[in-house]
Amino acid sequence: MVSKSIKSTVAHYVKKFDTRDPFEIADRLKVEYIIGPMGNYSGCYLYLKRHRCIFLNNELSDHDMRLVMAHELGHAILHRRENCYFIRNKTFLSTAKIEKEANIFAAELLIPDSLILENPGYTKSQLARLAGYNEMIMEFKKN
């Protein structure tokens, strides 16, 4: 899926549900999510018997939880029938196409264009910090 297509998919859901909250969007789409212990995994998306389910590590900070949820929601929407695992500190570095697409989805959902437009001259790092996320997310944000 092309970045512009992912950006328009995110825009569709943000407009449809009037929110950028990945948990609220998941609720509205009936994507189940469970928060609990997961060891080294930050999260994963599984497609089980025609049900979309996201698992999130309960040890994540609030911002990391939202980031991982947005990433896994990207899989639930863009890669419905794939099973995907988010390994802490590894997925941003992954070269797998579906991981890049999920990262683009998360960046587009969590970093609105208005944040960039309202803060001209800010670096990617500054914008990411302003939004409360790791600066790596900005590598996937498409203007």
Foldseek 3Di string as FASTA:
>chain_A
DDLVVLLVVLVVLCVVQVALQLVSSCVVVVQAEEEEADPQFQKKWAQDPNHTYIYGYNPDDPVSRRLVSQLRVQCCPVVVHDIGTHGPPPLLVDPDPSSLSSLLSSLSSQQPPVLDVVDDPDDLCRSQVVSPHHSSSSVNHDD
